[in-house]
Amino acid sequence: MEIEKFFKSWYRVFATNVSKDIMNKRVLSKGNLPWHIFTWGEVGSIEGLEALNCLKKSDFTEVIAFSGYPNNFSKIKKIKSNADLEKLLDNRNDIYITAKDFSWTFVKTHESNLGPYFKFKELKNCLNWYWDGLHDAKIIKVAEVNSDIKNKKNYLELLLDSRQAIVDNKVKNIRLYDYKFKDGNLESIKTFWISDSLEKNENRYIITLETADIHNNKSILKIEFDYAEVKRH
């Protein structure tokens, strides 16, 4: 992915609530930096050692990574091991590591007193992200989930991963993230791929999820959704 295209997507996902004024003056203008969304833009994130712990517990083998500064970024080809990651983080430049599906991002800044930052994509943003660009679409509107990372509680996060998630009453290409905490620290993030049936119950829809992790351990989970038609703004 080209650097310009990457950051366009990055801002769209992680800086969606930052005002245009702040973006223009403090992030995009000459002499400013992308990670200013966390400082000037006040984007909520996990910081410091906890941010590093989140990164190390994530799957960083499938990421998009850059180091450097605007107009002088270098793309990092592969992070194959913890040793590669540690070596990369020793770099004095700014470092941006982002999941290929933009479900999370990590930034190490060149400033010793600022960052690093770790940010999960918010559920409400992902719906806009995946469905933006459609003239008309049926969209799954997820009921409110107790998923405030700051409360450090276990939670599930369900992300649409296709612009055609419902076909012939079949739910396809949906990803479930399972966040587990222990003693106030993020212990693990498990990812599940989901493809199963959709059933209607009055004005709500229920998806029965049969999930399997990388060890093929299966489980069943039912989640209810509101279902609405939306138009592109």
C-alpha atoms as a PDB file:
ATOM      1  CA  MET A   1       0.000   0.000   0.000  1.00  0.00           C
ATOM      2  CA  GLU A   2       1.327   3.431  -0.934  1.00  0.00           C
ATOM      3  CA  ILE A   3       2.142   5.738   1.965  1.00  0.00           C
ATOM      4  CA  GLU A   4      -0.254   8.489   0.878  1.00  0.00           C
ATOM      5  CA  LYS A   5      -3.098   6.002   0.440  1.00  0.00           C
ATOM      6  CA  PHE A   6      -2.302   4.382   3.774  1.00  0.00           C
ATOM      7  CA  PHE A   7      -2.458   7.596   5.768  1.00  0.00           C
ATOM      8  CA  LYS A   8      -5.667   8.655   4.035  1.00  0.00           C
ATOM      9  CA  SER A   9      -7.235   5.431   5.307  1.00  0.00           C
ATOM     10  CA  TRP A  10      -5.492   5.741   8.677  1.00  0.00           C
ATOM     11  CA  TYR A  11      -6.935   9.202   9.324  1.00  0.00           C
ATOM     12  CA  ARG A  12     -10.343   8.071   8.169  1.00  0.00           C
ATOM     13  CA  VAL A  13     -10.426   5.212  10.661  1.00  0.00           C
ATOM     14  CA  PHE A  14      -8.559   6.555  13.688  1.00  0.00           C
ATOM     15  CA  ALA A  15      -9.089  10.339  13.439  1.00  0.00           C
ATOM     16  CA  THR A  16     -12.752  10.348  12.494  1.00  0.00           C
ATOM     17  CA  ASN A  17     -13.702  12.514  15.500  1.00  0.00           C
ATOM     18  CA  VAL A  18     -10.888  15.061  15.134  1.00  0.00           C
ATOM     19  CA  SER A  19     -12.139  18.436  13.901  1.00  0.00           C
ATOM     20  CA  LYS A  20     -11.151  19.712  10.458  1.00  0.00           C
ATOM     21  CA  ASP A  21      -9.551  22.742  12.095  1.00  0.00           C
ATOM     22  CA  ILE A  22      -7.230  20.602  14.234  1.00  0.00           C
ATOM     23  CA  MET A  23      -6.484  18.280  11.304  1.00  0.00           C
ATOM     24  CA  ASN A  24      -5.513  21.183   9.049  1.00  0.00           C
ATOM     25  CA  LYS A  25      -3.548  23.184  11.625  1.00  0.00           C
ATOM     26  CA  ARG A  26      -1.977  20.537  13.842  1.00  0.00           C
ATOM     27  CA  VAL A  27      -1.793  17.304  11.845  1.00  0.00           C
ATOM     28  CA  LEU A  28      -1.666  17.843   8.082  1.00  0.00           C
ATOM     29  CA  SER A  29       0.135  21.180   7.846  1.00  0.00           C
ATOM     30  CA  LYS A  30       3.879  21.512   7.285  1.00  0.00           C
ATOM     31  CA  GLY A  31       5.931  20.749  10.383  1.00  0.00           C
ATOM     32  CA  ASN A  32       3.225  18.608  11.966  1.00  0.00           C
ATOM     33  CA  LEU A  33       2.943  14.827  12.233  1.00  0.00           C
ATOM     34  CA  PRO A  34       0.251  12.122  11.857  1.00  0.00           C
ATOM     35  CA  TRP A  35       0.468  11.087  15.515  1.00  0.00           C
ATOM     36  CA  HIS A  36      -0.650  14.573  16.542  1.00  0.00           C
ATOM     37  CA  ILE A  37      -4.166  13.117  16.334  1.00  0.00           C
ATOM     38  CA  PHE A  38      -3.398  11.694  19.793  1.00  0.00           C
ATOM     39  CA  THR A  39      -2.039  14.929  21.274  1.00  0.00           C
ATOM     40  CA  TRP A  40      -3.694  17.922  19.596  1.00  0.00           C
ATOM     41  CA  GLY A  41      -6.623  15.849  18.374  1.00  0.00           C
ATOM     42  CA  GLU A  42      -7.159  14.215  21.774  1.00  0.00           C
ATOM     43  CA  VAL A  43      -7.968  10.838  20.222  1.00  0.00           C
ATOM     44  CA  GLY A  44      -8.444   8.370  23.064  1.00  0.00           C
ATOM     45  CA  SER A  45      -5.797   5.652  23.143  1.00  0.00           C
ATOM     46  CA  ILE A  46      -3.779   3.344  25.342  1.00  0.00           C
ATOM     47  CA  GLU A  47      -0.404   4.898  26.161  1.00  0.00           C
ATOM     48  CA  GLY A  48       3.057   4.071  27.444  1.00  0.00           C
ATOM     49  CA  LEU A  49       4.004   0.588  28.618  1.00  0.00           C
ATOM     50  CA  GLU A  50       0.410  -0.593  28.314  1.00  0.00           C
ATOM     51  CA  ALA A  51       0.477   0.377  24.626  1.00  0.00           C
ATOM     52  CA  LEU A  52       3.623  -1.714  24.156  1.00  0.00           C
ATOM     53  CA  ASN A  53       1.970  -4.647  25.913  1.00  0.00           C
ATOM     54  CA  CYS A  54      -1.037  -4.395  23.597  1.00  0.00           C
ATOM     55  CA  LEU A  55       1.249  -4.441  20.563  1.00  0.00           C
ATOM     56  CA  LYS A  56       3.195  -7.469  21.770  1.00  0.00           C
ATOM     57  CA  LYS A  57      -0.028  -9.389  22.417  1.00  0.00           C
ATOM     58  CA  SER A  58      -1.387  -8.573  18.944  1.00  0.00           C
ATOM     59  CA  ASP A  59      -0.648 -10.387  15.695  1.00  0.00           C
ATOM     60  CA  PHE A  60       2.037  -8.072  14.319  1.00  0.00           C
ATOM     61  CA  THR A  61       3.066 -10.469  11.528  1.00  0.00           C
ATOM     62  CA  GLU A  62       0.242  -9.187   9.281  1.00  0.00           C
ATOM     63  CA  VAL A  63       0.719  -5.449   9.470  1.00  0.00           C
ATOM     64  CA  ILE A  64       1.485  -2.327   7.478  1.00  0.00           C
ATOM     65  CA  ALA A  65       4.479  -0.546   8.987  1.00  0.00           C
ATOM     66  CA  PHE A  66       6.305   2.702   8.260  1.00  0.00           C
ATOM     67  CA  SER A  67       9.126   4.616   9.906  1.00  0.00           C
ATOM     68  CA  GLY A  68      10.225   8.210   9.485  1.00  0.00           C
ATOM     69  CA  TYR A  69       8.431  11.487   8.882  1.00  0.00           C
ATOM     70  CA  PRO A  70       6.135  13.085   6.258  1.00  0.00           C
ATOM     71  CA  ASN A  71       7.816  13.232   2.820  1.00  0.00           C
ATOM     72  CA  ASN A  72      10.488  10.839   4.081  1.00  0.00           C
ATOM     73  CA  PHE A  73       8.695   7.665   5.184  1.00  0.00           C
ATOM     74  CA  SER A  74      10.207   4.232   4.662  1.00  0.00           C
ATOM     75  CA  LYS A  75       8.020   1.147   4.396  1.00  0.00           C
ATOM     76  CA  ILE A  76       8.998  -1.780   6.614  1.00  0.00           C
ATOM     77  CA  LYS A  77       8.619  -5.019   4.679  1.00  0.00           C
ATOM     78  CA  LYS A  78       8.291  -7.663   7.379  1.00  0.00           C
ATOM     79  CA  ILE A  79       8.198  -8.070  11.140  1.00  0.00           C
ATOM     80  CA  LYS A  80       8.874 -11.782  11.481  1.00  0.00           C
ATOM     81  CA  SER A  81       9.695 -12.117  15.167  1.00  0.00           C
ATOM     82  CA  ASN A  82       9.822 -10.415  18.550  1.00  0.00           C
ATOM     83  CA  ALA A  83      13.490  -9.721  17.875  1.00  0.00           C
ATOM     84  CA  ASP A  84      12.544  -7.853  14.675  1.00  0.00           C
ATOM     85  CA  LEU A  85       9.958  -5.895  16.623  1.00  0.00           C
ATOM     86  CA  GLU A  86      12.388  -4.942  19.394  1.00  0.00           C
ATOM     87  CA  LYS A  87      14.973  -3.829  16.841  1.00  0.00           C
ATOM     88  CA  LEU A  88      12.367  -1.735  15.044  1.00  0.00           C
ATOM     89  CA  LEU A  89      11.219  -0.060  18.260  1.00  0.00           C
ATOM     90  CA  ASP A  90      14.817   0.937  19.049  1.00  0.00           C
ATOM     91  CA  ASN A  91      14.692   3.168  15.971  1.00  0.00           C
ATOM     92  CA  ARG A  92      14.743   6.851  16.929  1.00  0.00           C
ATOM     93  CA  ASN A  93      12.321   7.765  14.148  1.00  0.00           C
ATOM     94  CA  ASP A  94       8.550   7.742  14.442  1.00  0.00           C
ATOM     95  CA  ILE A  95       7.174   4.219  13.906  1.00  0.00           C
ATOM     96  CA  TYR A  96       3.661   3.391  12.677  1.00  0.00           C
ATOM     97  CA  ILE A  97       2.453  -0.229  12.877  1.00  0.00           C
ATOM     98  CA  THR A  98      -1.125  -0.951  11.808  1.00  0.00           C
ATOM     99  CA  ALA A  99      -3.120  -4.150  11.307  1.00  0.00           C
ATOM    100  CA  LYS A 100      -3.849  -4.763   7.622  1.00  0.00           C
ATOM    101  CA  ASP A 101      -7.578  -4.658   8.368  1.00  0.00           C
ATOM    102  CA  PHE A 102      -7.101  -1.393  10.327  1.00  0.00           C
ATOM    103  CA  SER A 103      -8.555  -2.979  13.474  1.00  0.00           C
ATOM    104  CA  TRP A 104      -5.754  -1.402  15.531  1.00  0.00           C
ATOM    105  CA  THR A 105      -2.754   0.884  15.203  1.00  0.00           C
ATOM    106  CA  PHE A 106       0.419   1.499  17.206  1.00  0.00           C
ATOM    107  CA  VAL A 107       2.643   4.582  17.065  1.00  0.00           C
ATOM    108  CA  LYS A 108       6.044   5.104  18.671  1.00  0.00           C
ATOM    109  CA  THR A 109       7.078   8.743  18.531  1.00  0.00           C
ATOM    110  CA  HIS A 110      10.557  10.248  18.503  1.00  0.00           C
ATOM    111  CA  GLU A 111       9.598  12.201  21.640  1.00  0.00           C
ATOM    112  CA  SER A 112      10.622  10.390  24.823  1.00  0.00           C
ATOM    113  CA  ASN A 113       7.793  11.976  26.829  1.00  0.00           C
ATOM    114  CA  LEU A 114       4.984  11.357  24.300  1.00  0.00           C
ATOM    115  CA  GLY A 115       3.567   7.937  23.506  1.00  0.00           C
ATOM    116  CA  PRO A 116       3.779   5.269  22.442  1.00  0.00           C
ATOM    117  CA  TYR A 117       0.101   5.013  21.529  1.00  0.00           C
ATOM    118  CA  PHE A 118      -2.100   1.993  20.816  1.00  0.00           C
ATOM    119  CA  LYS A 119      -5.583   2.500  19.399  1.00  0.00           C
ATOM    120  CA  PHE A 120      -8.320   0.004  18.569  1.00  0.00           C
ATOM    121  CA  LYS A 121     -10.710   0.886  15.783  1.00  0.00           C
ATOM    122  CA  GLU A 122     -13.996   1.849  17.373  1.00  0.00           C
ATOM    123  CA  LEU A 123     -16.950  -0.305  16.473  1.00  0.00           C
ATOM    124  CA  LYS A 124     -19.145   2.604  15.397  1.00  0.00           C
ATOM    125  CA  ASN A 125     -16.428   3.770  13.008  1.00  0.00           C
ATOM    126  CA  CYS A 126     -15.924   0.416  11.353  1.00  0.00           C
ATOM    127  CA  LEU A 127     -19.518   0.343  10.111  1.00  0.00           C
ATOM    128  CA  ASN A 128     -19.052   3.674   8.362  1.00  0.00           C
ATOM    129  CA  TRP A 129     -15.680   2.531   7.043  1.00  0.00           C
ATOM    130  CA  TYR A 130     -16.798  -0.674   5.386  1.00  0.00           C
ATOM    131  CA  TRP A 131     -20.082   0.636   3.993  1.00  0.00           C
ATOM    132  CA  ASP A 132     -19.019   4.086   2.833  1.00  0.00           C
ATOM    133  CA  GLY A 133     -19.230   4.425  -0.935  1.00  0.00           C
ATOM    134  CA  LEU A 134     -22.429   2.460  -1.448  1.00  0.00           C
ATOM    135  CA  HIS A 135     -25.440   4.190  -3.009  1.00  0.00           C
ATOM    136  CA  ASP A 136     -27.900   2.097  -0.997  1.00  0.00           C
ATOM    137  CA  ALA A 137     -27.151  -0.696   1.389  1.00  0.00           C
ATOM    138  CA  LYS A 138     -28.572  -2.818   4.109  1.00  0.00           C
ATOM    139  CA  ILE A 139     -26.380  -2.429   7.133  1.00  0.00           C
ATOM    140  CA  ILE A 140     -26.124  -4.325  10.363  1.00  0.00           C
ATOM    141  CA  LYS A 141     -26.350  -1.804  13.160  1.00  0.00           C
ATOM    142  CA  VAL A 142     -24.723  -3.315  16.205  1.00  0.00           C
ATOM    143  CA  ALA A 143     -26.471  -2.849  19.513  1.00  0.00           C
ATOM    144  CA  GLU A 144     -24.422  -1.004  22.109  1.00  0.00           C
ATOM    145  CA  VAL A 145     -21.622  -3.145  23.459  1.00  0.00           C
ATOM    146  CA  ASN A 146     -19.832  -2.702  26.768  1.00  0.00           C
ATOM    147  CA  SER A 147     -16.509  -2.336  25.014  1.00  0.00           C
ATOM    148  CA  ASP A 148     -14.763   0.619  26.613  1.00  0.00           C
ATOM    149  CA  ILE A 149     -11.104  -0.385  26.592  1.00  0.00           C
ATOM    150  CA  LYS A 150     -10.437   2.076  29.420  1.00  0.00           C
ATOM    151  CA  ASN A 151     -12.673   0.086  31.770  1.00  0.00           C
ATOM    152  CA  LYS A 152     -10.391  -2.924  31.213  1.00  0.00           C
ATOM    153  CA  LYS A 153     -13.242  -5.407  31.016  1.00  0.00           C
ATOM    154  CA  ASN A 154     -13.471  -8.476  28.819  1.00  0.00           C
ATOM    155  CA  TYR A 155     -15.557  -7.777  25.734  1.00  0.00           C
ATOM    156  CA  LEU A 156     -16.361  -8.863  22.208  1.00  0.00           C
ATOM    157  CA  GLU A 157     -16.151  -6.636  19.153  1.00  0.00           C
ATOM    158  CA  LEU A 158     -17.815  -7.612  15.893  1.00  0.00           C
ATOM    159  CA  LEU A 159     -16.591  -6.061  12.630  1.00  0.00           C
ATOM    160  CA  LEU A 160     -18.083  -6.232   9.166  1.00  0.00           C
ATOM    161  CA  ASP A 161     -15.364  -7.179   6.735  1.00  0.00           C
ATOM    162  CA  SER A 162     -17.242  -6.989   3.465  1.00  0.00           C
ATOM    163  CA  ARG A 163     -19.377  -4.518   1.534  1.00  0.00           C
ATOM    164  CA  GLN A 164     -21.744  -7.379   0.862  1.00  0.00           C
ATOM    165  CA  ALA A 165     -22.060  -8.927   4.293  1.00  0.00           C
ATOM    166  CA  ILE A 166     -25.590 -10.258   3.838  1.00  0.00           C
ATOM    167  CA  VAL A 167     -26.329 -12.333   0.748  1.00  0.00           C
ATOM    168  CA  ASP A 168     -29.416 -14.555   0.502  1.00  0.00           C
ATOM    169  CA  ASN A 169     -29.888 -14.368   4.276  1.00  0.00           C
ATOM    170  CA  LYS A 170     -26.358 -15.591   4.831  1.00  0.00           C
ATOM    171  CA  VAL A 171     -23.916 -13.563   6.866  1.00  0.00           C
ATOM    172  CA  LYS A 172     -20.474 -13.626   5.305  1.00  0.00           C
ATOM    173  CA  ASN A 173     -17.030 -12.311   6.073  1.00  0.00           C
ATOM    174  CA  ILE A 174     -17.535 -11.072   9.591  1.00  0.00           C
ATOM    175  CA  ARG A 175     -14.745 -10.946  12.111  1.00  0.00           C
ATOM    176  CA  LEU A 176     -15.079 -11.256  15.862  1.00  0.00           C
ATOM    177  CA  TYR A 177     -12.436  -9.952  18.256  1.00  0.00           C
ATOM    178  CA  ASP A 178     -12.362 -11.332  21.796  1.00  0.00           C
ATOM    179  CA  TYR A 179     -10.459  -9.114  24.262  1.00  0.00           C
ATOM    180  CA  LYS A 180      -9.437 -10.632  27.607  1.00  0.00           C
ATOM    181  CA  PHE A 181      -8.022  -8.750  30.589  1.00  0.00           C
ATOM    182  CA  LYS A 182      -6.219 -10.024  33.674  1.00  0.00           C
ATOM    183  CA  ASP A 183      -5.348  -7.907  36.709  1.00  0.00           C
ATOM    184  CA  GLY A 184      -6.168  -4.758  34.762  1.00  0.00           C
ATOM    185  CA  ASN A 185      -3.908  -5.590  31.810  1.00  0.00           C
ATOM    186  CA  LEU A 186      -4.838  -6.759  28.337  1.00  0.00           C
ATOM    187  CA  GLU A 187      -3.946 -10.443  28.316  1.00  0.00           C
ATOM    188  CA  SER A 188      -4.984 -11.588  24.842  1.00  0.00           C
ATOM    189  CA  ILE A 189      -6.827 -10.730  21.643  1.00  0.00           C
ATOM    190  CA  LYS A 190      -8.356 -13.642  19.752  1.00  0.00           C
ATOM    191  CA  THR A 191      -9.688 -13.289  16.228  1.00  0.00           C
ATOM    192  CA  PHE A 192     -12.455 -15.459  14.801  1.00  0.00           C
ATOM    193  CA  TRP A 193     -13.834 -15.608  11.254  1.00  0.00           C
ATOM    194  CA  ILE A 194     -17.595 -16.036  11.070  1.00  0.00           C
ATOM    195  CA  SER A 195     -19.938 -17.163   8.310  1.00  0.00           C
ATOM    196  CA  ASP A 196     -23.312 -18.451   9.375  1.00  0.00           C
ATOM    197  CA  SER A 197     -27.075 -17.973   9.143  1.00  0.00           C
ATOM    198  CA  LEU A 198     -29.298 -15.007   9.890  1.00  0.00           C
ATOM    199  CA  GLU A 199     -32.751 -15.343  11.477  1.00  0.00           C
ATOM    200  CA  LYS A 200     -35.425 -12.708  12.062  1.00  0.00           C
ATOM    201  CA  ASN A 201     -37.238 -12.232  15.379  1.00  0.00           C
ATOM    202  CA  GLU A 202     -39.850  -9.449  15.133  1.00  0.00           C
ATOM    203  CA  ASN A 203     -37.856  -6.250  14.506  1.00  0.00           C
ATOM    204  CA  ARG A 204     -34.507  -7.718  15.358  1.00  0.00           C
ATOM    205  CA  TYR A 205     -32.163 -10.122  13.685  1.00  0.00           C
ATOM    206  CA  ILE A 206     -30.176 -12.831  15.385  1.00  0.00           C
ATOM    207  CA  ILE A 207     -26.915 -14.206  14.071  1.00  0.00           C
ATOM    208  CA  THR A 208     -25.858 -17.590  15.357  1.00  0.00           C
ATOM    209  CA  LEU A 209     -22.103 -17.677  15.328  1.00  0.00           C
ATOM    210  CA  GLU A 210     -20.108 -20.856  15.185  1.00  0.00           C
ATOM    211  CA  THR A 211     -16.546 -19.737  15.723  1.00  0.00           C
ATOM    212  CA  ALA A 212     -13.259 -21.563  15.606  1.00  0.00           C
ATOM    213  CA  ASP A 213      -9.891 -20.289  16.729  1.00  0.00           C
ATOM    214  CA  ILE A 214      -6.505 -21.193  15.251  1.00  0.00           C
ATOM    215  CA  HIS A 215      -6.546 -24.441  17.233  1.00  0.00           C
ATOM    216  CA  ASN A 216      -9.970 -25.316  15.764  1.00  0.00           C
ATOM    217  CA  ASN A 217     -11.657 -25.006  19.158  1.00  0.00           C
ATOM    218  CA  LYS A 218     -15.306 -24.298  18.332  1.00  0.00           C
ATOM    219  CA  SER A 219     -17.950 -22.392  20.243  1.00  0.00           C
ATOM    220  CA  ILE A 220     -21.485 -21.098  19.652  1.00  0.00           C
ATOM    221  CA  LEU A 221     -22.561 -17.533  20.336  1.00  0.00           C
ATOM    222  CA  LYS A 222     -25.800 -15.679  19.543  1.00  0.00           C
ATOM    223  CA  ILE A 223     -25.795 -11.911  19.045  1.00  0.00           C
ATOM    224  CA  GLU A 224     -28.811  -9.714  18.273  1.00  0.00           C
ATOM    225  CA  PHE A 225     -28.703  -6.800  15.832  1.00  0.00           C
ATOM    226  CA  ASP A 226     -30.902  -3.968  14.679  1.00  0.00           C
ATOM    227  CA  TYR A 227     -31.304  -4.001  10.918  1.00  0.00           C
ATOM    228  CA  ALA A 228     -31.801  -0.845   8.886  1.00  0.00           C
ATOM    229  CA  GLU A 229     -31.508   0.560   5.398  1.00  0.00           C
ATOM    230  CA  VAL A 230     -29.120   3.464   4.968  1.00  0.00           C
ATOM    231  CA  LYS A 231     -28.071   5.745   2.145  1.00  0.00           C
ATOM    232  CA  ARG A 232     -24.702   7.207   1.391  1.00  0.00           C
ATOM    233  CA  HIS A 233     -24.322  10.742   2.681  1.00  0.00           C
END
